[in-house]
N, C-alpha and C. Protein backbone atom coordinates (compact mmCIF):
# COMPACT_ATOMS: atom_id res chain seq x y z
N MET A 1 4.40 7.84 3.25
CA MET A 1 3.56 6.52 3.31
C MET A 1 4.17 5.62 2.16
N ARG A 2 4.08 4.44 2.34
CA ARG A 2 4.66 3.57 1.36
C ARG A 2 3.74 3.38 0.16
N THR A 3 4.19 3.73 -1.00
CA THR A 3 3.32 3.61 -2.28
C THR A 3 2.72 2.30 -2.45
N PHE A 4 3.54 1.14 -2.39
CA PHE A 4 3.08 -0.22 -2.71
C PHE A 4 1.99 -0.45 -1.57
N LEU A 5 2.26 -0.15 -0.44
CA LEU A 5 1.27 -0.51 0.57
C LEU A 5 -0.09 0.19 0.37
N LEU A 6 0.06 1.51 -0.07
CA LEU A 6 -1.23 2.36 -0.31
C LEU A 6 -1.90 1.60 -1.56
N ALA A 7 -1.06 1.13 -2.48
CA ALA A 7 -1.77 0.59 -3.72
C ALA A 7 -2.58 -0.62 -3.31
N THR A 8 -1.91 -1.47 -2.42
CA THR A 8 -2.61 -2.82 -2.03
C THR A 8 -3.75 -2.32 -1.07
N SER A 9 -3.60 -1.26 -0.15
CA SER A 9 -4.67 -0.85 0.64
C SER A 9 -5.77 -0.41 -0.11
N SER A 10 -5.59 0.24 -1.33
CA SER A 10 -6.60 0.73 -2.10
C SER A 10 -7.37 -0.59 -2.51
N LEU A 11 -6.91 -1.68 -2.61
CA LEU A 11 -7.66 -2.86 -3.00
C LEU A 11 -8.61 -3.16 -2.01
N VAL A 12 -8.40 -2.99 -0.75
CA VAL A 12 -9.33 -3.11 0.37
C VAL A 12 -10.47 -2.38 -0.01
N VAL A 13 -10.39 -1.15 -0.23
CA VAL A 13 -11.78 -0.33 -0.41
C VAL A 13 -12.40 -0.60 -1.75
N SER A 14 -11.64 -0.95 -2.77
CA SER A 14 -12.27 -1.08 -3.96
C SER A 14 -13.13 -2.38 -3.92
N PHE A 15 -13.04 -3.26 -2.99
CA PHE A 15 -13.76 -4.41 -3.03
C PHE A 15 -14.85 -4.33 -1.81
N GLY A 16 -15.67 -3.30 -1.99
CA GLY A 16 -16.77 -2.91 -0.99
C GLY A 16 -17.64 -3.91 -0.63
N SER A 17 -18.92 -3.56 -0.36
CA SER A 17 -19.82 -4.53 0.18
C SER A 17 -20.75 -5.15 -0.81
N THR A 18 -20.29 -5.88 -1.81
CA THR A 18 -21.25 -6.43 -2.70
C THR A 18 -21.86 -7.69 -2.15
N ALA A 19 -23.17 -7.93 -2.17
CA ALA A 19 -23.83 -9.02 -1.39
C ALA A 19 -23.33 -10.34 -1.94
N GLN A 20 -22.75 -11.28 -1.27
CA GLN A 20 -22.49 -12.61 -1.75
C GLN A 20 -22.73 -13.63 -0.54
N GLU A 21 -23.09 -14.69 -0.96
CA GLU A 21 -23.38 -15.82 0.10
C GLU A 21 -22.09 -16.28 0.63
N ARG A 22 -21.03 -16.39 -0.11
CA ARG A 22 -19.76 -17.03 0.41
C ARG A 22 -18.73 -15.86 0.26
N PRO A 23 -17.78 -15.68 1.26
CA PRO A 23 -16.74 -14.73 1.09
C PRO A 23 -15.90 -14.88 -0.18
N VAL A 24 -15.59 -16.12 -0.40
CA VAL A 24 -14.64 -16.47 -1.50
C VAL A 24 -15.24 -15.89 -2.85
N ASP A 25 -16.64 -15.99 -2.95
CA ASP A 25 -17.32 -15.46 -4.09
C ASP A 25 -17.05 -13.93 -4.32
N LEU A 26 -17.02 -13.24 -3.20
CA LEU A 26 -16.84 -11.79 -3.35
C LEU A 26 -15.44 -11.49 -3.78
N VAL A 27 -14.41 -12.15 -3.29
CA VAL A 27 -13.04 -11.97 -3.69
C VAL A 27 -12.91 -12.44 -5.17
N GLU A 28 -13.47 -13.33 -5.63
CA GLU A 28 -13.40 -13.86 -7.04
C GLU A 28 -14.18 -12.78 -7.86
N GLU A 29 -15.36 -12.47 -7.64
CA GLU A 29 -16.06 -11.39 -8.37
C GLU A 29 -15.47 -10.15 -8.60
N LEU A 30 -15.16 -9.65 -7.48
CA LEU A 30 -14.48 -8.29 -7.37
C LEU A 30 -13.15 -8.22 -8.03
N SER A 31 -12.32 -9.33 -7.98
CA SER A 31 -11.01 -9.39 -8.54
C SER A 31 -11.21 -9.36 -10.01
N GLU A 32 -12.15 -10.14 -10.54
CA GLU A 32 -12.51 -10.15 -11.97
C GLU A 32 -12.91 -8.88 -12.52
N GLN A 33 -13.81 -8.24 -11.67
CA GLN A 33 -14.29 -6.78 -12.11
C GLN A 33 -13.02 -5.84 -12.20
N THR A 34 -12.16 -5.97 -11.36
CA THR A 34 -11.02 -4.96 -11.31
C THR A 34 -10.18 -5.31 -12.64
N MET A 35 -10.00 -6.67 -12.72
CA MET A 35 -9.06 -7.00 -13.83
C MET A 35 -9.69 -6.55 -15.31
N ASP A 36 -11.04 -6.63 -15.28
CA ASP A 36 -11.72 -6.33 -16.50
C ASP A 36 -11.58 -4.84 -16.69
N PHE A 37 -11.70 -4.00 -15.61
CA PHE A 37 -11.33 -2.51 -15.78
C PHE A 37 -10.01 -2.14 -16.17
N LEU A 38 -9.06 -2.99 -15.92
CA LEU A 38 -7.79 -2.73 -16.10
C LEU A 38 -7.28 -3.41 -17.54
N GLU A 39 -8.17 -3.76 -18.27
CA GLU A 39 -7.83 -4.34 -19.63
C GLU A 39 -7.10 -3.45 -20.52
N ASP A 40 -7.34 -2.19 -20.32
CA ASP A 40 -6.62 -1.08 -21.06
C ASP A 40 -5.50 -0.50 -20.29
N ASN A 41 -5.07 -1.09 -19.25
CA ASN A 41 -3.84 -0.84 -18.43
C ASN A 41 -4.10 0.47 -17.72
N GLN A 42 -5.32 0.95 -17.43
CA GLN A 42 -5.63 2.15 -16.74
C GLN A 42 -7.12 2.06 -16.15
N LEU A 43 -7.38 2.92 -15.14
CA LEU A 43 -8.57 3.10 -14.53
C LEU A 43 -9.07 4.48 -14.89
N ASP A 44 -10.27 4.64 -15.56
CA ASP A 44 -10.62 6.05 -15.72
C ASP A 44 -11.61 6.40 -14.59
N ALA A 45 -11.99 7.61 -14.62
CA ALA A 45 -12.72 8.22 -13.51
C ALA A 45 -13.91 7.53 -13.16
N SER A 46 -14.72 7.06 -14.25
CA SER A 46 -15.87 6.44 -13.98
C SER A 46 -15.84 5.00 -13.40
N GLU A 47 -14.70 4.34 -13.79
CA GLU A 47 -14.36 3.10 -13.19
C GLU A 47 -14.04 3.07 -11.68
N VAL A 48 -13.22 4.16 -11.39
CA VAL A 48 -12.92 4.59 -10.00
C VAL A 48 -13.99 4.69 -9.22
N ASP A 49 -15.02 5.63 -9.71
CA ASP A 49 -16.22 5.83 -8.98
C ASP A 49 -17.05 4.67 -8.75
N ARG A 50 -17.04 3.77 -9.77
CA ARG A 50 -17.88 2.59 -9.74
C ARG A 50 -17.29 1.72 -8.69
N LEU A 51 -15.95 1.54 -8.61
CA LEU A 51 -15.35 0.70 -7.49
C LEU A 51 -15.68 1.25 -6.09
N LEU A 52 -15.79 2.52 -6.02
CA LEU A 52 -16.10 2.93 -4.65
C LEU A 52 -17.61 3.12 -4.34
N ASP A 53 -18.47 2.97 -5.34
CA ASP A 53 -19.88 2.99 -5.15
C ASP A 53 -20.40 2.32 -3.91
N ASP A 54 -19.98 1.04 -3.64
CA ASP A 54 -20.51 0.24 -2.60
C ASP A 54 -19.64 0.20 -1.38
N VAL A 55 -18.71 1.19 -1.36
CA VAL A 55 -17.85 1.12 -0.25
C VAL A 55 -18.19 2.00 0.92
N ALA A 56 -18.16 1.53 2.11
CA ALA A 56 -18.42 2.38 3.34
C ALA A 56 -17.21 3.09 3.70
N VAL A 57 -16.92 4.02 2.89
CA VAL A 57 -15.73 4.84 3.07
C VAL A 57 -15.71 5.53 4.52
N GLY A 58 -16.85 5.92 4.87
CA GLY A 58 -16.85 6.53 6.27
C GLY A 58 -16.39 5.70 7.35
N GLY A 59 -16.84 4.43 7.47
CA GLY A 59 -16.36 3.40 8.34
C GLY A 59 -14.81 3.17 8.21
N ILE A 60 -14.34 3.05 6.97
CA ILE A 60 -12.88 2.84 6.76
C ILE A 60 -12.08 4.06 7.34
N ALA A 61 -12.71 5.19 6.88
CA ALA A 61 -11.92 6.42 7.31
C ALA A 61 -11.95 6.60 8.81
N ARG A 62 -13.05 6.26 9.50
CA ARG A 62 -13.16 6.44 10.94
C ARG A 62 -12.15 5.46 11.58
N PHE A 63 -12.09 4.20 11.10
CA PHE A 63 -11.28 3.29 11.65
C PHE A 63 -9.84 3.74 11.55
N ALA A 64 -9.37 4.40 10.42
CA ALA A 64 -8.06 4.83 10.20
C ALA A 64 -7.66 5.92 11.33
N LEU A 65 -8.79 6.69 11.79
CA LEU A 65 -8.38 7.79 12.78
C LEU A 65 -8.04 7.22 14.13
N GLY A 66 -8.52 5.92 14.43
CA GLY A 66 -8.24 5.35 15.80
C GLY A 66 -8.83 6.23 16.89
N LYS A 67 -8.01 6.51 17.89
CA LYS A 67 -8.45 7.20 18.98
C LYS A 67 -8.91 8.61 18.75
N TYR A 68 -8.55 9.17 17.63
CA TYR A 68 -8.85 10.50 17.30
C TYR A 68 -10.35 10.63 16.58
N SER A 69 -11.00 9.44 16.35
CA SER A 69 -12.17 9.56 15.69
C SER A 69 -13.26 10.15 16.57
N SER A 70 -13.27 10.05 17.75
CA SER A 70 -14.27 10.74 18.53
C SER A 70 -13.94 12.09 19.00
N ARG A 71 -12.68 12.55 18.64
CA ARG A 71 -12.22 13.91 19.26
C ARG A 71 -12.37 14.99 18.18
N ILE A 72 -12.89 14.87 16.93
CA ILE A 72 -12.92 15.83 16.10
C ILE A 72 -14.49 16.27 15.78
N SER A 73 -14.66 17.36 15.32
CA SER A 73 -16.08 17.81 15.15
C SER A 73 -16.68 17.03 13.92
N GLN A 74 -18.01 17.36 13.73
CA GLN A 74 -18.61 16.59 12.65
C GLN A 74 -18.11 17.37 11.26
N ASP A 75 -18.11 18.72 11.50
CA ASP A 75 -17.55 19.49 10.26
C ASP A 75 -16.25 19.07 9.80
N ASP A 76 -15.38 18.98 10.70
CA ASP A 76 -13.97 18.52 10.42
C ASP A 76 -13.85 16.97 9.83
N TYR A 77 -14.89 16.28 10.52
CA TYR A 77 -14.88 14.76 10.10
C TYR A 77 -15.35 14.86 8.59
N ARG A 78 -16.29 15.53 8.21
CA ARG A 78 -16.79 15.49 6.86
C ARG A 78 -15.71 16.05 5.82
N ASP A 79 -15.03 17.08 6.33
CA ASP A 79 -13.81 17.57 5.43
C ASP A 79 -12.79 16.28 5.32
N TYR A 80 -12.50 15.63 6.48
CA TYR A 80 -11.56 14.58 6.36
C TYR A 80 -12.13 13.51 5.36
N GLU A 81 -13.40 13.07 5.55
CA GLU A 81 -13.90 12.00 4.75
C GLU A 81 -13.84 12.39 3.40
N VAL A 82 -13.99 13.52 2.91
CA VAL A 82 -13.95 14.06 1.49
C VAL A 82 -12.42 13.99 1.08
N ALA A 83 -11.50 14.41 1.90
CA ALA A 83 -10.14 14.20 1.60
C ALA A 83 -9.78 12.61 1.39
N PHE A 84 -10.19 11.88 2.34
CA PHE A 84 -9.94 10.58 2.43
C PHE A 84 -10.41 9.80 1.16
N ARG A 85 -11.62 10.15 0.72
CA ARG A 85 -12.20 9.51 -0.36
C ARG A 85 -11.38 9.92 -1.71
N ALA A 86 -11.06 11.22 -1.80
CA ALA A 86 -10.24 11.65 -2.94
C ALA A 86 -8.84 11.03 -2.88
N TYR A 87 -8.29 10.81 -1.83
CA TYR A 87 -7.02 10.10 -1.65
C TYR A 87 -7.14 8.68 -2.05
N LEU A 88 -8.26 8.02 -1.77
CA LEU A 88 -8.43 6.59 -2.19
C LEU A 88 -8.61 6.50 -3.75
N LYS A 89 -9.37 7.40 -4.38
CA LYS A 89 -9.53 7.46 -5.65
C LYS A 89 -8.29 7.62 -6.33
N GLY A 90 -7.41 8.52 -5.96
CA GLY A 90 -6.04 8.82 -6.46
C GLY A 90 -5.18 7.48 -6.40
N GLN A 91 -5.30 6.89 -5.22
CA GLN A 91 -4.42 5.62 -5.30
C GLN A 91 -4.89 4.61 -6.04
N LEU A 92 -6.32 4.39 -6.08
CA LEU A 92 -6.85 3.34 -7.23
C LEU A 92 -6.34 3.62 -8.51
N ARG A 93 -6.57 4.95 -9.03
CA ARG A 93 -6.20 5.22 -10.42
C ARG A 93 -4.69 5.16 -10.73
N ASP A 94 -3.83 5.58 -9.69
CA ASP A 94 -2.39 5.48 -9.94
C ASP A 94 -1.70 4.22 -9.71
N GLN A 95 -2.27 3.40 -8.92
CA GLN A 95 -1.51 2.23 -8.39
C GLN A 95 -1.94 0.93 -8.92
N LEU A 96 -3.34 0.76 -9.10
CA LEU A 96 -3.80 -0.50 -9.46
C LEU A 96 -3.42 -0.96 -10.82
N THR A 97 -2.89 -0.22 -11.73
CA THR A 97 -2.38 -0.47 -12.93
C THR A 97 -1.28 -1.43 -12.83
N ARG A 98 -0.57 -1.60 -11.82
CA ARG A 98 0.50 -2.53 -11.47
C ARG A 98 0.02 -4.00 -11.65
N PHE A 99 -1.31 -4.14 -11.53
CA PHE A 99 -1.91 -5.49 -11.52
C PHE A 99 -2.61 -5.81 -12.91
N SER A 100 -2.45 -4.87 -13.89
CA SER A 100 -2.97 -5.15 -15.32
C SER A 100 -2.37 -6.46 -15.74
N GLU A 101 -3.30 -7.27 -16.36
CA GLU A 101 -3.07 -8.44 -16.91
C GLU A 101 -2.56 -9.43 -15.89
N GLY A 102 -2.68 -9.20 -14.61
CA GLY A 102 -2.40 -10.04 -13.44
C GLY A 102 -3.37 -11.25 -13.33
N ASP A 103 -3.04 -12.15 -12.35
CA ASP A 103 -3.88 -13.28 -12.13
C ASP A 103 -3.89 -13.40 -10.66
N ILE A 104 -5.21 -13.57 -10.12
CA ILE A 104 -5.41 -13.94 -8.76
C ILE A 104 -5.83 -15.28 -8.56
N GLU A 105 -5.16 -16.09 -7.71
CA GLU A 105 -5.65 -17.51 -7.39
C GLU A 105 -6.00 -17.58 -6.03
N ILE A 106 -7.20 -18.17 -5.69
CA ILE A 106 -7.51 -18.33 -4.30
C ILE A 106 -6.92 -19.81 -3.94
N ASP A 107 -6.10 -19.49 -2.69
CA ASP A 107 -5.50 -20.68 -2.13
C ASP A 107 -6.16 -21.31 -0.98
N ASP A 108 -6.95 -20.56 -0.17
CA ASP A 108 -7.48 -21.13 1.02
C ASP A 108 -8.42 -20.23 1.59
N THR A 109 -9.35 -20.70 2.34
CA THR A 109 -10.44 -19.96 3.07
C THR A 109 -10.56 -20.37 4.51
N ASN A 110 -10.39 -19.56 5.37
CA ASN A 110 -10.60 -19.85 6.95
C ASN A 110 -11.69 -18.96 7.46
N ARG A 111 -12.68 -19.47 7.90
CA ARG A 111 -13.92 -18.93 8.51
C ARG A 111 -14.14 -18.99 9.94
N ARG A 112 -14.36 -17.95 10.65
CA ARG A 112 -14.62 -17.95 12.12
C ARG A 112 -15.72 -17.02 12.28
N GLY A 113 -16.96 -17.55 12.55
CA GLY A 113 -18.12 -16.75 12.82
C GLY A 113 -18.39 -15.85 11.82
N ASN A 114 -18.51 -14.53 11.91
CA ASN A 114 -18.93 -13.54 10.91
C ASN A 114 -17.74 -13.07 10.14
N GLN A 115 -16.47 -13.75 10.45
CA GLN A 115 -15.38 -13.20 9.62
C GLN A 115 -14.69 -14.40 8.92
N SER A 116 -13.93 -13.93 7.94
CA SER A 116 -13.36 -15.04 7.02
C SER A 116 -12.13 -14.35 6.53
N ILE A 117 -11.06 -15.27 6.37
CA ILE A 117 -9.79 -14.86 5.66
C ILE A 117 -9.55 -15.59 4.38
N ILE A 118 -9.49 -14.95 3.49
CA ILE A 118 -9.28 -15.57 2.05
C ILE A 118 -7.71 -15.52 1.69
N GLU A 119 -7.06 -16.64 1.43
CA GLU A 119 -5.70 -16.47 1.13
C GLU A 119 -5.57 -16.69 -0.35
N THR A 120 -4.97 -15.59 -1.03
CA THR A 120 -4.69 -15.59 -2.38
C THR A 120 -3.35 -15.48 -2.84
N THR A 121 -3.16 -15.69 -4.05
CA THR A 121 -1.59 -15.30 -4.76
C THR A 121 -1.93 -14.54 -6.09
N VAL A 122 -1.30 -13.40 -5.93
CA VAL A 122 -1.38 -12.49 -7.01
C VAL A 122 -0.18 -12.85 -8.04
N THR A 123 -0.32 -13.21 -9.29
CA THR A 123 0.82 -13.24 -10.10
C THR A 123 0.75 -12.15 -11.08
N LYS A 124 1.76 -11.42 -11.08
CA LYS A 124 1.98 -10.32 -12.07
C LYS A 124 2.48 -10.76 -13.41
N PRO A 125 2.27 -10.13 -14.53
CA PRO A 125 2.72 -10.57 -15.80
C PRO A 125 4.14 -10.93 -15.86
N ASP A 126 4.89 -10.37 -15.14
CA ASP A 126 6.46 -10.65 -15.13
C ASP A 126 6.62 -11.97 -14.29
N GLY A 127 5.65 -12.49 -13.76
CA GLY A 127 5.87 -13.84 -13.03
C GLY A 127 6.10 -13.61 -11.53
N GLU A 128 6.21 -12.35 -11.17
CA GLU A 128 6.39 -12.14 -9.73
C GLU A 128 4.99 -12.55 -8.96
N LYS A 129 5.32 -13.12 -7.81
CA LYS A 129 4.07 -13.69 -7.07
C LYS A 129 3.96 -12.86 -5.77
N LEU A 130 2.72 -12.54 -5.37
CA LEU A 130 2.59 -11.88 -4.10
C LEU A 130 1.42 -12.49 -3.33
N GLU A 131 1.66 -13.01 -2.07
CA GLU A 131 0.66 -13.51 -1.26
C GLU A 131 -0.18 -12.32 -0.63
N VAL A 132 -1.49 -12.51 -0.81
CA VAL A 132 -2.31 -11.50 -0.29
C VAL A 132 -3.49 -12.24 0.43
N ASN A 133 -3.65 -11.80 1.61
CA ASN A 133 -4.89 -12.25 2.46
C ASN A 133 -5.90 -11.25 2.71
N TRP A 134 -7.11 -11.64 2.51
CA TRP A 134 -8.20 -10.72 2.55
C TRP A 134 -9.01 -11.20 3.92
N ARG A 135 -9.32 -10.08 4.73
CA ARG A 135 -10.22 -10.29 5.81
C ARG A 135 -11.55 -9.72 5.53
N LEU A 136 -12.50 -10.56 5.64
CA LEU A 136 -13.88 -10.16 5.17
C LEU A 136 -14.88 -10.33 6.46
N ARG A 137 -15.73 -9.48 6.49
CA ARG A 137 -16.74 -9.61 7.61
C ARG A 137 -18.20 -9.57 6.98
N LYS A 138 -19.16 -10.56 7.52
CA LYS A 138 -20.42 -10.55 7.00
C LYS A 138 -21.27 -9.46 7.77
N SER A 139 -21.87 -8.65 7.16
CA SER A 139 -22.73 -7.58 7.58
C SER A 139 -24.20 -7.97 7.26
N SER A 140 -25.12 -7.14 7.74
CA SER A 140 -26.56 -7.31 7.22
C SER A 140 -26.76 -7.40 5.78
N GLU A 141 -25.73 -6.69 5.02
CA GLU A 141 -25.97 -6.57 3.59
C GLU A 141 -25.12 -7.62 2.74
N GLY A 142 -24.29 -8.51 3.47
CA GLY A 142 -23.47 -9.36 2.86
C GLY A 142 -22.04 -9.34 3.29
N TRP A 143 -21.11 -10.03 2.58
CA TRP A 143 -19.83 -9.86 2.96
C TRP A 143 -19.12 -8.75 2.42
N GLU A 144 -18.11 -8.30 3.10
CA GLU A 144 -17.28 -6.95 2.85
C GLU A 144 -15.95 -7.27 3.19
N VAL A 145 -15.00 -6.67 2.44
CA VAL A 145 -13.60 -6.56 2.66
C VAL A 145 -13.38 -5.65 3.71
N ILE A 146 -12.65 -5.97 4.86
CA ILE A 146 -12.37 -5.04 5.82
C ILE A 146 -10.93 -4.74 5.90
N ASP A 147 -10.00 -5.66 5.36
CA ASP A 147 -8.66 -5.48 5.52
C ASP A 147 -7.94 -6.42 4.51
N VAL A 148 -6.68 -6.10 4.33
CA VAL A 148 -5.80 -6.85 3.29
C VAL A 148 -4.53 -6.96 3.89
N GLU A 149 -3.93 -8.19 3.94
CA GLU A 149 -2.55 -8.29 4.33
C GLU A 149 -1.59 -8.70 3.15
N ALA A 150 -0.60 -7.87 2.92
CA ALA A 150 0.39 -8.12 1.89
C ALA A 150 1.78 -7.64 2.71
N MET A 151 2.88 -8.32 2.18
CA MET A 151 4.06 -8.07 2.71
C MET A 151 4.13 -8.23 4.28
N ASN A 152 3.30 -9.05 4.80
CA ASN A 152 3.24 -9.27 6.26
C ASN A 152 2.65 -8.11 7.03
N LEU A 153 2.03 -7.16 6.43
CA LEU A 153 1.32 -6.08 7.01
C LEU A 153 -0.17 -6.14 6.76
N TRP A 154 -1.08 -5.91 7.78
CA TRP A 154 -2.50 -5.77 7.73
C TRP A 154 -2.56 -4.31 7.35
N LEU A 155 -3.00 -3.94 6.14
CA LEU A 155 -2.93 -2.62 5.56
C LEU A 155 -3.81 -1.55 6.30
N ALA A 156 -5.00 -1.92 6.56
CA ALA A 156 -5.91 -0.97 7.32
C ALA A 156 -5.27 -0.58 8.69
N ILE A 157 -4.61 -1.64 9.37
CA ILE A 157 -4.13 -1.33 10.75
C ILE A 157 -2.81 -0.55 10.43
N GLU A 158 -2.06 -0.84 9.46
CA GLU A 158 -0.85 0.07 9.08
C GLU A 158 -1.18 1.53 8.83
N GLN A 159 -2.32 1.63 8.11
CA GLN A 159 -2.79 3.07 7.63
C GLN A 159 -3.30 3.72 8.84
N ARG A 160 -3.84 2.96 9.81
CA ARG A 160 -4.27 3.59 11.09
C ARG A 160 -3.06 4.14 12.05
N ALA A 161 -2.11 3.21 11.93
CA ALA A 161 -0.85 3.61 12.70
C ALA A 161 -0.24 4.88 12.02
N GLN A 162 -0.10 4.96 10.68
CA GLN A 162 0.26 5.98 9.99
C GLN A 162 -0.37 7.34 10.22
N PHE A 163 -1.80 7.16 10.23
CA PHE A 163 -2.58 8.38 10.40
C PHE A 163 -2.45 8.78 11.76
N GLN A 164 -2.48 7.92 12.83
CA GLN A 164 -2.31 8.32 14.29
C GLN A 164 -0.99 8.98 14.53
N ALA A 165 0.11 8.43 13.85
CA ALA A 165 1.35 9.08 14.02
C ALA A 165 1.36 10.59 13.53
N GLU A 166 0.67 10.62 12.35
CA GLU A 166 0.54 12.13 11.83
C GLU A 166 -0.21 12.93 12.86
N LEU A 167 -1.28 12.43 13.36
CA LEU A 167 -2.15 13.24 14.32
C LEU A 167 -1.37 13.43 15.67
N ASP A 168 -0.60 12.49 16.12
CA ASP A 168 0.26 12.59 17.32
C ASP A 168 1.15 13.72 17.14
N GLY A 169 1.65 13.85 15.99
CA GLY A 169 2.85 14.60 15.75
C GLY A 169 2.24 16.09 15.54
N SER A 170 0.97 16.30 15.20
CA SER A 170 0.44 17.52 15.05
C SER A 170 -0.48 17.99 16.30
N GLY A 171 -0.36 17.12 17.36
CA GLY A 171 -1.19 17.41 18.50
C GLY A 171 -2.62 17.17 18.37
N GLY A 172 -2.86 16.29 17.32
CA GLY A 172 -4.30 15.81 17.07
C GLY A 172 -4.99 16.80 16.03
N ASN A 173 -4.34 17.66 15.38
CA ASN A 173 -4.87 18.50 14.44
C ASN A 173 -5.29 17.79 13.12
N ILE A 174 -6.54 17.63 13.01
CA ILE A 174 -7.17 16.87 11.97
C ILE A 174 -6.78 17.56 10.59
N LYS A 175 -6.84 18.96 10.71
CA LYS A 175 -6.50 19.72 9.44
C LYS A 175 -5.16 19.38 8.85
N SER A 176 -4.26 19.04 9.71
CA SER A 176 -2.91 18.69 9.24
C SER A 176 -2.97 17.32 8.41
N LEU A 177 -3.62 16.31 8.88
CA LEU A 177 -3.86 15.11 8.32
C LEU A 177 -4.68 15.26 6.95
N ILE A 178 -5.62 16.25 6.95
CA ILE A 178 -6.40 16.46 5.74
C ILE A 178 -5.43 17.03 4.64
N GLN A 179 -4.58 17.85 5.07
CA GLN A 179 -3.62 18.63 4.10
C GLN A 179 -2.63 17.54 3.66
N THR A 180 -2.28 16.50 4.54
CA THR A 180 -1.41 15.52 4.00
C THR A 180 -1.99 14.72 2.98
N LEU A 181 -3.35 14.31 3.23
CA LEU A 181 -4.08 13.49 2.26
C LEU A 181 -4.31 14.36 0.89
N ASP A 182 -4.71 15.59 1.03
CA ASP A 182 -4.84 16.40 -0.19
C ASP A 182 -3.53 16.61 -0.85
N ASP A 183 -2.38 16.77 -0.29
CA ASP A 183 -1.05 16.82 -0.87
C ASP A 183 -0.66 15.47 -1.64
N SER A 184 -1.08 14.33 -0.94
CA SER A 184 -0.79 12.97 -1.48
C SER A 184 -1.45 12.83 -2.81
N ASP A 185 -2.85 13.23 -2.69
CA ASP A 185 -3.75 13.13 -3.85
C ASP A 185 -3.28 14.01 -5.01
N ALA A 186 -2.79 15.08 -4.67
CA ALA A 186 -2.24 16.12 -5.79
C ALA A 186 -0.95 15.74 -6.44
N SER A 187 -0.10 14.93 -5.75
CA SER A 187 1.10 14.54 -6.30
C SER A 187 1.07 13.52 -7.30
């Protein structure tokens, strides 16, 4: 799995469902919070946990399973969700430091019904610019980030494709995917 994609994918989950009236407010607030956490160029365990507190990890994890989400037992799903959460924590801790001292600028907002896409540019300290588009959905609790596009890839969709390929290759064996997530978290 591509490290940079996973790092940016981790941004998706780190910006959970903080109640906001406008989707752009959510992107601004949570971008600032993440940058504040990164002032010391690292994320400690409590900061990572705090970033994940408001995240519907189960929904994201289930989406990533695609067609296999209804084919696994509740016990296996619980094990998978634990591995998925640990995997995301590891990605946040290890990869978001790339954005230390970076700047996020909001370029445009496009809203359709209960969804919105916020177009941003991330400028890293070395001047490198990366266009990042955020897909948000309004739920009963407020706006939440449901996907991020970077390098022309919608990352939740890409992760789903990767997980399904792993599951297809193992005959739908969820334990194989859990082991891959555990191994990725351990490395």
